[in-house]
Amino acid sequence: MAYSEFMYKVLQATCENGNLILKEKLSSEMEGKTLKVIIVETDELEAKKERFFSILDRHSFALPANYQFDREELHGR
């Protein structure tokens, strides 16, 4: 199977009595297929997202309203 044929999808699920209950149904194309599941707690994702945006805020700045990107100037041509 070529790499481009793999499907990646992020789904939310709840663990109940040791079983994962998906928040949405899988398509009928998935019927009978073996899937690999990677479990990441939602709280961990939220914490990473908050850290990312915090770093982004610290390193961001506003550009002047009349700013125009000049590729030629950037490459010294």
PDB file of N, CA and C in Angstrom:
ATOM      1  N   MET A   1       0.854  -1.177   0.000  1.00  0.00           N
ATOM      2  CA  MET A   1       0.000   0.000   0.000  1.00  0.00           C
ATOM      3  C   MET A   1       0.893   1.231   0.000  1.00  0.00           C
ATOM      4  N   ALA A   2       0.683   2.148  -0.913  1.00  0.00           N
ATOM      5  CA  ALA A   2       1.468   3.369  -1.003  1.00  0.00           C
ATOM      6  C   ALA A   2       1.111   4.302   0.147  1.00  0.00           C
ATOM      7  N   TYR A   3       2.073   5.142   0.524  1.00  0.00           N
ATOM      8  CA  TYR A   3       1.870   6.061   1.642  1.00  0.00           C
ATOM      9  C   TYR A   3       0.651   6.947   1.428  1.00  0.00           C
ATOM     10  N   SER A   4       0.417   7.399   0.209  1.00  0.00           N
ATOM     11  CA  SER A   4      -0.682   8.320  -0.062  1.00  0.00           C
ATOM     12  C   SER A   4      -2.057   7.670   0.130  1.00  0.00           C
ATOM     13  N   GLU A   5      -2.102   6.354   0.251  1.00  0.00           N
ATOM     14  CA  GLU A   5      -3.373   5.664   0.407  1.00  0.00           C
ATOM     15  C   GLU A   5      -3.827   5.588   1.868  1.00  0.00           C
ATOM     16  N   PHE A   6      -2.967   5.977   2.809  1.00  0.00           N
ATOM     17  CA  PHE A   6      -3.331   5.933   4.220  1.00  0.00           C
ATOM     18  C   PHE A   6      -4.275   7.078   4.549  1.00  0.00           C
ATOM     19  N   MET A   7      -5.209   6.825   5.452  1.00  0.00           N
ATOM     20  CA  MET A   7      -6.126   7.863   5.885  1.00  0.00           C
ATOM     21  C   MET A   7      -5.833   8.183   7.340  1.00  0.00           C
ATOM     22  N   TYR A   8      -5.757   9.463   7.645  1.00  0.00           N
ATOM     23  CA  TYR A   8      -5.584   9.911   9.020  1.00  0.00           C
ATOM     24  C   TYR A   8      -6.786  10.758   9.380  1.00  0.00           C
ATOM     25  N   LYS A   9      -7.373  10.484  10.531  1.00  0.00           N
ATOM     26  CA  LYS A   9      -8.531  11.242  10.964  1.00  0.00           C
ATOM     27  C   LYS A   9      -8.478  11.345  12.481  1.00  0.00           C
ATOM     28  N   VAL A  10      -8.764  12.525  12.982  1.00  0.00           N
ATOM     29  CA  VAL A  10      -8.799  12.736  14.425  1.00  0.00           C
ATOM     30  C   VAL A  10     -10.254  12.720  14.857  1.00  0.00           C
ATOM     31  N   LEU A  11     -10.554  11.848  15.795  1.00  0.00           N
ATOM     32  CA  LEU A  11     -11.912  11.725  16.319  1.00  0.00           C
ATOM     33  C   LEU A  11     -11.886  11.905  17.827  1.00  0.00           C
ATOM     34  N   GLN A  12     -12.964  12.382  18.378  1.00  0.00           N
ATOM     35  CA  GLN A  12     -13.103  12.475  19.819  1.00  0.00           C
ATOM     36  C   GLN A  12     -13.880  11.258  20.302  1.00  0.00           C
ATOM     37  N   ALA A  13     -13.519  10.780  21.478  1.00  0.00           N
ATOM     38  CA  ALA A  13     -14.205   9.623  22.053  1.00  0.00           C
ATOM     39  C   ALA A  13     -14.215   9.757  23.566  1.00  0.00           C
ATOM     40  N   THR A  14     -15.108   9.030  24.186  1.00  0.00           N
ATOM     41  CA  THR A  14     -15.200   8.969  25.641  1.00  0.00           C
ATOM     42  C   THR A  14     -14.981   7.527  26.055  1.00  0.00           C
ATOM     43  N   CYS A  15     -14.209   7.354  27.110  1.00  0.00           N
ATOM     44  CA  CYS A  15     -13.972   6.005  27.620  1.00  0.00           C
ATOM     45  C   CYS A  15     -15.048   5.683  28.652  1.00  0.00           C
ATOM     46  N   GLU A  16     -15.792   4.627  28.404  1.00  0.00           N
ATOM     47  CA  GLU A  16     -16.840   4.177  29.324  1.00  0.00           C
ATOM     48  C   GLU A  16     -16.672   2.686  29.563  1.00  0.00           C
ATOM     49  N   ASN A  17     -16.418   2.312  30.810  1.00  0.00           N
ATOM     50  CA  ASN A  17     -16.230   0.902  31.179  1.00  0.00           C
ATOM     51  C   ASN A  17     -15.180   0.210  30.311  1.00  0.00           C
ATOM     52  N   GLY A  18     -14.109   0.926  29.995  1.00  0.00           N
ATOM     53  CA  GLY A  18     -13.022   0.342  29.210  1.00  0.00           C
ATOM     54  C   GLY A  18     -13.241   0.340  27.711  1.00  0.00           C
ATOM     55  N   ASN A  19     -14.361   0.867  27.247  1.00  0.00           N
ATOM     56  CA  ASN A  19     -14.654   0.926  25.811  1.00  0.00           C
ATOM     57  C   ASN A  19     -14.625   2.366  25.327  1.00  0.00           C
ATOM     58  N   LEU A  20     -14.102   2.585  24.128  1.00  0.00           N
ATOM     59  CA  LEU A  20     -14.119   3.920  23.543  1.00  0.00           C
ATOM     60  C   LEU A  20     -15.434   4.130  22.801  1.00  0.00           C
ATOM     61  N   ILE A  21     -16.135   5.191  23.151  1.00  0.00           N
ATOM     62  CA  ILE A  21     -17.390   5.538  22.483  1.00  0.00           C
ATOM     63  C   ILE A  21     -17.094   6.763  21.631  1.00  0.00           C
ATOM     64  N   LEU A  22     -17.117   6.596  20.306  1.00  0.00           N
ATOM     65  CA  LEU A  22     -16.794   7.687  19.385  1.00  0.00           C
ATOM     66  C   LEU A  22     -17.906   8.726  19.363  1.00  0.00           C
ATOM     67  N   LYS A  23     -17.515   9.998  19.192  1.00  0.00           N
ATOM     68  CA  LYS A  23     -18.485  11.097  19.119  1.00  0.00           C
ATOM     69  C   LYS A  23     -19.180  11.130  17.755  1.00  0.00           C
ATOM     70  N   GLU A  24     -18.587  10.475  16.756  1.00  0.00           N
ATOM     71  CA  GLU A  24     -19.205  10.396  15.430  1.00  0.00           C
ATOM     72  C   GLU A  24     -19.017   9.000  14.865  1.00  0.00           C
ATOM     73  N   LYS A  25     -19.879   8.617  13.952  1.00  0.00           N
ATOM     74  CA  LYS A  25     -19.796   7.289  13.341  1.00  0.00           C
ATOM     75  C   LYS A  25     -18.702   7.269  12.274  1.00  0.00           C
ATOM     76  N   LEU A  26     -18.080   6.113  12.116  1.00  0.00           N
ATOM     77  CA  LEU A  26     -17.118   5.920  11.034  1.00  0.00           C
ATOM     78  C   LEU A  26     -17.888   5.592   9.758  1.00  0.00           C
ATOM     79  N   SER A  27     -17.277   5.884   8.618  1.00  0.00           N
ATOM     80  CA  SER A  27     -17.939   5.589   7.351  1.00  0.00           C
ATOM     81  C   SER A  27     -17.990   4.078   7.120  1.00  0.00           C
ATOM     82  N   SER A  28     -18.886   3.658   6.265  1.00  0.00           N
ATOM     83  CA  SER A  28     -19.029   2.229   5.966  1.00  0.00           C
ATOM     84  C   SER A  28     -17.771   1.670   5.301  1.00  0.00           C
ATOM     85  N   GLU A  29     -16.939   2.540   4.720  1.00  0.00           N
ATOM     86  CA  GLU A  29     -15.679   2.105   4.095  1.00  0.00           C
ATOM     87  C   GLU A  29     -14.718   1.511   5.125  1.00  0.00           C
ATOM     88  N   MET A  30     -14.891   1.862   6.388  1.00  0.00           N
ATOM     89  CA  MET A  30     -14.005   1.389   7.447  1.00  0.00           C
ATOM     90  C   MET A  30     -14.408   0.014   7.966  1.00  0.00           C
ATOM     91  N   GLU A  31     -15.595  -0.453   7.606  1.00  0.00           N
ATOM     92  CA  GLU A  31     -16.124  -1.730   8.081  1.00  0.00           C
ATOM     93  C   GLU A  31     -15.134  -2.863   7.824  1.00  0.00           C
ATOM     94  N   GLY A  32     -14.785  -3.587   8.868  1.00  0.00           N
ATOM     95  CA  GLY A  32     -13.908  -4.751   8.746  1.00  0.00           C
ATOM     96  C   GLY A  32     -12.422  -4.422   8.736  1.00  0.00           C
ATOM     97  N   LYS A  33     -12.060  -3.138   8.734  1.00  0.00           N
ATOM     98  CA  LYS A  33     -10.649  -2.767   8.698  1.00  0.00           C
ATOM     99  C   LYS A  33     -10.086  -2.730  10.113  1.00  0.00           C
ATOM    100  N   THR A  34      -8.804  -3.013  10.225  1.00  0.00           N
ATOM    101  CA  THR A  34      -8.101  -2.891  11.497  1.00  0.00           C
ATOM    102  C   THR A  34      -7.549  -1.483  11.571  1.00  0.00           C
ATOM    103  N   LEU A  35      -7.776  -0.814  12.695  1.00  0.00           N
ATOM    104  CA  LEU A  35      -7.347   0.576  12.860  1.00  0.00           C
ATOM    105  C   LEU A  35      -6.302   0.680  13.962  1.00  0.00           C
ATOM    106  N   LYS A  36      -5.407   1.627  13.836  1.00  0.00           N
ATOM    107  CA  LYS A  36      -4.435   1.926  14.879  1.00  0.00           C
ATOM    108  C   LYS A  36      -4.957   3.147  15.622  1.00  0.00           C
ATOM    109  N   VAL A  37      -5.025   3.066  16.945  1.00  0.00           N
ATOM    110  CA  VAL A  37      -5.584   4.140  17.764  1.00  0.00           C
ATOM    111  C   VAL A  37      -4.481   4.723  18.631  1.00  0.00           C
ATOM    112  N   ILE A  38      -4.361   6.044  18.622  1.00  0.00           N
ATOM    113  CA  ILE A  38      -3.426   6.760  19.486  1.00  0.00           C
ATOM    114  C   ILE A  38      -4.279   7.572  20.450  1.00  0.00           C
ATOM    115  N   ILE A  39      -4.071   7.368  21.739  1.00  0.00           N
ATOM    116  CA  ILE A  39      -4.907   8.038  22.739  1.00  0.00           C
ATOM    117  C   ILE A  39      -4.156   9.223  23.334  1.00  0.00           C
ATOM    118  N   VAL A  40      -4.774  10.401  23.253  1.00  0.00           N
ATOM    119  CA  VAL A  40      -4.240  11.617  23.842  1.00  0.00           C
ATOM    120  C   VAL A  40      -5.378  12.263  24.612  1.00  0.00           C
ATOM    121  N   GLU A  41      -5.145  12.542  25.879  1.00  0.00           N
ATOM    122  CA  GLU A  41      -6.189  13.176  26.670  1.00  0.00           C
ATOM    123  C   GLU A  41      -6.450  14.586  26.145  1.00  0.00           C
ATOM    124  N   THR A  42      -7.709  14.961  26.058  1.00  0.00           N
ATOM    125  CA  THR A  42      -8.096  16.266  25.535  1.00  0.00           C
ATOM    126  C   THR A  42      -7.456  17.383  26.337  1.00  0.00           C
ATOM    127  N   ASP A  43      -7.381  17.236  27.655  1.00  0.00           N
ATOM    128  CA  ASP A  43      -6.783  18.275  28.495  1.00  0.00           C
ATOM    129  C   ASP A  43      -5.340  18.546  28.087  1.00  0.00           C
ATOM    130  N   GLU A  44      -4.615  17.493  27.706  1.00  0.00           N
ATOM    131  CA  GLU A  44      -3.223  17.638  27.278  1.00  0.00           C
ATOM    132  C   GLU A  44      -3.158  18.447  25.984  1.00  0.00           C
ATOM    133  N   LEU A  45      -4.060  18.179  25.060  1.00  0.00           N
ATOM    134  CA  LEU A  45      -4.096  18.937  23.813  1.00  0.00           C
ATOM    135  C   LEU A  45      -4.408  20.401  24.081  1.00  0.00           C
ATOM    136  N   GLU A  46      -5.348  20.658  24.965  1.00  0.00           N
ATOM    137  CA  GLU A  46      -5.710  22.038  25.290  1.00  0.00           C
ATOM    138  C   GLU A  46      -4.524  22.773  25.917  1.00  0.00           C
ATOM    139  N   ALA A  47      -3.791  22.100  26.785  1.00  0.00           N
ATOM    140  CA  ALA A  47      -2.628  22.717  27.429  1.00  0.00           C
ATOM    141  C   ALA A  47      -1.565  23.050  26.388  1.00  0.00           C
ATOM    142  N   LYS A  48      -1.320  22.141  25.438  1.00  0.00           N
ATOM    143  CA  LYS A  48      -0.345  22.396  24.379  1.00  0.00           C
ATOM    144  C   LYS A  48      -0.792  23.563  23.500  1.00  0.00           C
ATOM    145  N   LYS A  49      -2.084  23.602  23.202  1.00  0.00           N
ATOM    146  CA  LYS A  49      -2.619  24.687  22.379  1.00  0.00           C
ATOM    147  C   LYS A  49      -2.442  26.033  23.093  1.00  0.00           C
ATOM    148  N   GLU A  50      -2.719  26.067  24.392  1.00  0.00           N
ATOM    149  CA  GLU A  50      -2.559  27.301  25.166  1.00  0.00           C
ATOM    150  C   GLU A  50      -1.100  27.742  25.199  1.00  0.00           C
ATOM    151  N   ARG A  51      -0.164  26.787  25.382  1.00  0.00           N
ATOM    152  CA  ARG A  51       1.264  27.128  25.377  1.00  0.00           C
ATOM    153  C   ARG A  51       1.678  27.688  24.025  1.00  0.00           C
ATOM    154  N   PHE A  52       1.207  27.072  22.943  1.00  0.00           N
ATOM    155  CA  PHE A  52       1.545  27.529  21.601  1.00  0.00           C
ATOM    156  C   PHE A  52       1.085  28.971  21.386  1.00  0.00           C
ATOM    157  N   PHE A  53      -0.170  29.264  21.729  1.00  0.00           N
ATOM    158  CA  PHE A  53      -0.693  30.612  21.520  1.00  0.00           C
ATOM    159  C   PHE A  53      -0.024  31.617  22.440  1.00  0.00           C
ATOM    160  N   SER A  54       0.383  31.195  23.621  1.00  0.00           N
ATOM    161  CA  SER A  54       1.113  32.069  24.526  1.00  0.00           C
ATOM    162  C   SER A  54       2.455  32.463  23.907  1.00  0.00           C
ATOM    163  N   ILE A  55       3.169  31.481  23.357  1.00  0.00           N
ATOM    164  CA  ILE A  55       4.443  31.754  22.685  1.00  0.00           C
ATOM    165  C   ILE A  55       4.218  32.647  21.475  1.00  0.00           C
ATOM    166  N   LEU A  56       3.179  32.356  20.721  1.00  0.00           N
ATOM    167  CA  LEU A  56       2.850  33.158  19.547  1.00  0.00           C
ATOM    168  C   LEU A  56       2.587  34.610  19.931  1.00  0.00           C
ATOM    169  N   ASP A  57       1.836  34.823  21.003  1.00  0.00           N
ATOM    170  CA  ASP A  57       1.546  36.184  21.472  1.00  0.00           C
ATOM    171  C   ASP A  57       2.819  36.922  21.872  1.00  0.00           C
ATOM    172  N   ARG A  58       3.738  36.224  22.533  1.00  0.00           N
ATOM    173  CA  ARG A  58       4.983  36.867  22.987  1.00  0.00           C
ATOM    174  C   ARG A  58       5.884  37.255  21.822  1.00  0.00           C
ATOM    175  N   HIS A  59       5.805  36.525  20.710  1.00  0.00           N
ATOM    176  CA  HIS A  59       6.707  36.760  19.590  1.00  0.00           C
ATOM    177  C   HIS A  59       6.028  37.416  18.392  1.00  0.00           C
ATOM    178  N   SER A  60       4.836  37.899  18.554  1.00  0.00           N
ATOM    179  CA  SER A  60       4.098  38.546  17.463  1.00  0.00           C
ATOM    180  C   SER A  60       4.195  40.059  17.598  1.00  0.00           C
ATOM    181  N   PHE A  61       4.032  40.732  16.489  1.00  0.00           N
ATOM    182  CA  PHE A  61       4.014  42.191  16.500  1.00  0.00           C
ATOM    183  C   PHE A  61       3.112  42.661  15.372  1.00  0.00           C
ATOM    184  N   ALA A  62       2.606  43.869  15.533  1.00  0.00           N
ATOM    185  CA  ALA A  62       1.715  44.435  14.523  1.00  0.00           C
ATOM    186  C   ALA A  62       2.542  45.092  13.419  1.00  0.00           C
ATOM    187  N   LEU A  63       2.150  44.862  12.194  1.00  0.00           N
ATOM    188  CA  LEU A  63       2.801  45.505  11.049  1.00  0.00           C
ATOM    189  C   LEU A  63       2.080  46.821  10.757  1.00  0.00           C
ATOM    190  N   PRO A  64       2.812  47.809  10.249  1.00  0.00           N
ATOM    191  CA  PRO A  64       2.152  49.064   9.876  1.00  0.00           C
ATOM    192  C   PRO A  64       1.083  48.805   8.814  1.00  0.00           C
ATOM    193  N   ALA A  65       0.048  49.621   8.802  1.00  0.00           N
ATOM    194  CA  ALA A  65      -1.061  49.444   7.860  1.00  0.00           C
ATOM    195  C   ALA A  65      -0.583  49.502   6.411  1.00  0.00           C
ATOM    196  N   ASN A  66       0.479  50.252   6.135  1.00  0.00           N
ATOM    197  CA  ASN A  66       0.957  50.403   4.751  1.00  0.00           C
ATOM    198  C   ASN A  66       2.077  49.410   4.412  1.00  0.00           C
ATOM    199  N   TYR A  67       2.333  48.402   5.280  1.00  0.00           N
ATOM    200  CA  TYR A  67       3.405  47.434   5.035  1.00  0.00           C
ATOM    201  C   TYR A  67       3.113  46.621   3.782  1.00  0.00           C
ATOM    202  N   GLN A  68       4.157  46.430   2.971  1.00  0.00           N
ATOM    203  CA  GLN A  68       4.021  45.620   1.766  1.00  0.00           C
ATOM    204  C   GLN A  68       5.254  44.716   1.668  1.00  0.00           C
ATOM    205  N   PHE A  69       5.045  43.432   1.557  1.00  0.00           N
ATOM    206  CA  PHE A  69       6.143  42.470   1.459  1.00  0.00           C
ATOM    207  C   PHE A  69       6.839  42.630   0.115  1.00  0.00           C
ATOM    208  N   ASP A  70       8.175  42.680   0.133  1.00  0.00           N
ATOM    209  CA  ASP A  70       8.959  42.828  -1.104  1.00  0.00           C
ATOM    210  C   ASP A  70       9.967  41.691  -1.186  1.00  0.00           C
ATOM    211  N   ARG A  71       9.624  40.669  -1.944  1.00  0.00           N
ATOM    212  CA  ARG A  71      10.487  39.496  -2.090  1.00  0.00           C
ATOM    213  C   ARG A  71      11.849  39.865  -2.678  1.00  0.00           C
ATOM    214  N   GLU A  72      11.881  40.779  -3.631  1.00  0.00           N
ATOM    215  CA  GLU A  72      13.126  41.192  -4.264  1.00  0.00           C
ATOM    216  C   GLU A  72      14.064  41.822  -3.236  1.00  0.00           C
ATOM    217  N   GLU A  73      13.522  42.674  -2.365  1.00  0.00           N
ATOM    218  CA  GLU A  73      14.326  43.303  -1.325  1.00  0.00           C
ATOM    219  C   GLU A  73      14.833  42.258  -0.347  1.00  0.00           C
ATOM    220  N   LEU A  74      14.014  41.306  -0.014  1.00  0.00           N
ATOM    221  CA  LEU A  74      14.390  40.246   0.926  1.00  0.00           C
ATOM    222  C   LEU A  74      15.589  39.476   0.426  1.00  0.00           C
ATOM    223  N   HIS A  75      15.611  39.153  -0.860  1.00  0.00           N
ATOM    224  CA  HIS A  75      16.688  38.346  -1.447  1.00  0.00           C
ATOM    225  C   HIS A  75      17.821  39.209  -1.985  1.00  0.00           C
ATOM    226  N   GLY A  76      17.756  40.516  -1.751  1.00  0.00           N
ATOM    227  CA  GLY A  76      18.832  41.420  -2.142  1.00  0.00           C
ATOM    228  C   GLY A  76      19.071  41.514  -3.634  1.00  0.00           C
ATOM    229  N   ARG A  77      18.014  41.445  -4.398  1.00  0.00           N
ATOM    230  CA  ARG A  77      18.175  41.510  -5.860  1.00  0.00           C
ATOM    231  C   ARG A  77      18.083  42.918  -6.349  1.00  0.00           C
TER     232      ARG A  77
END
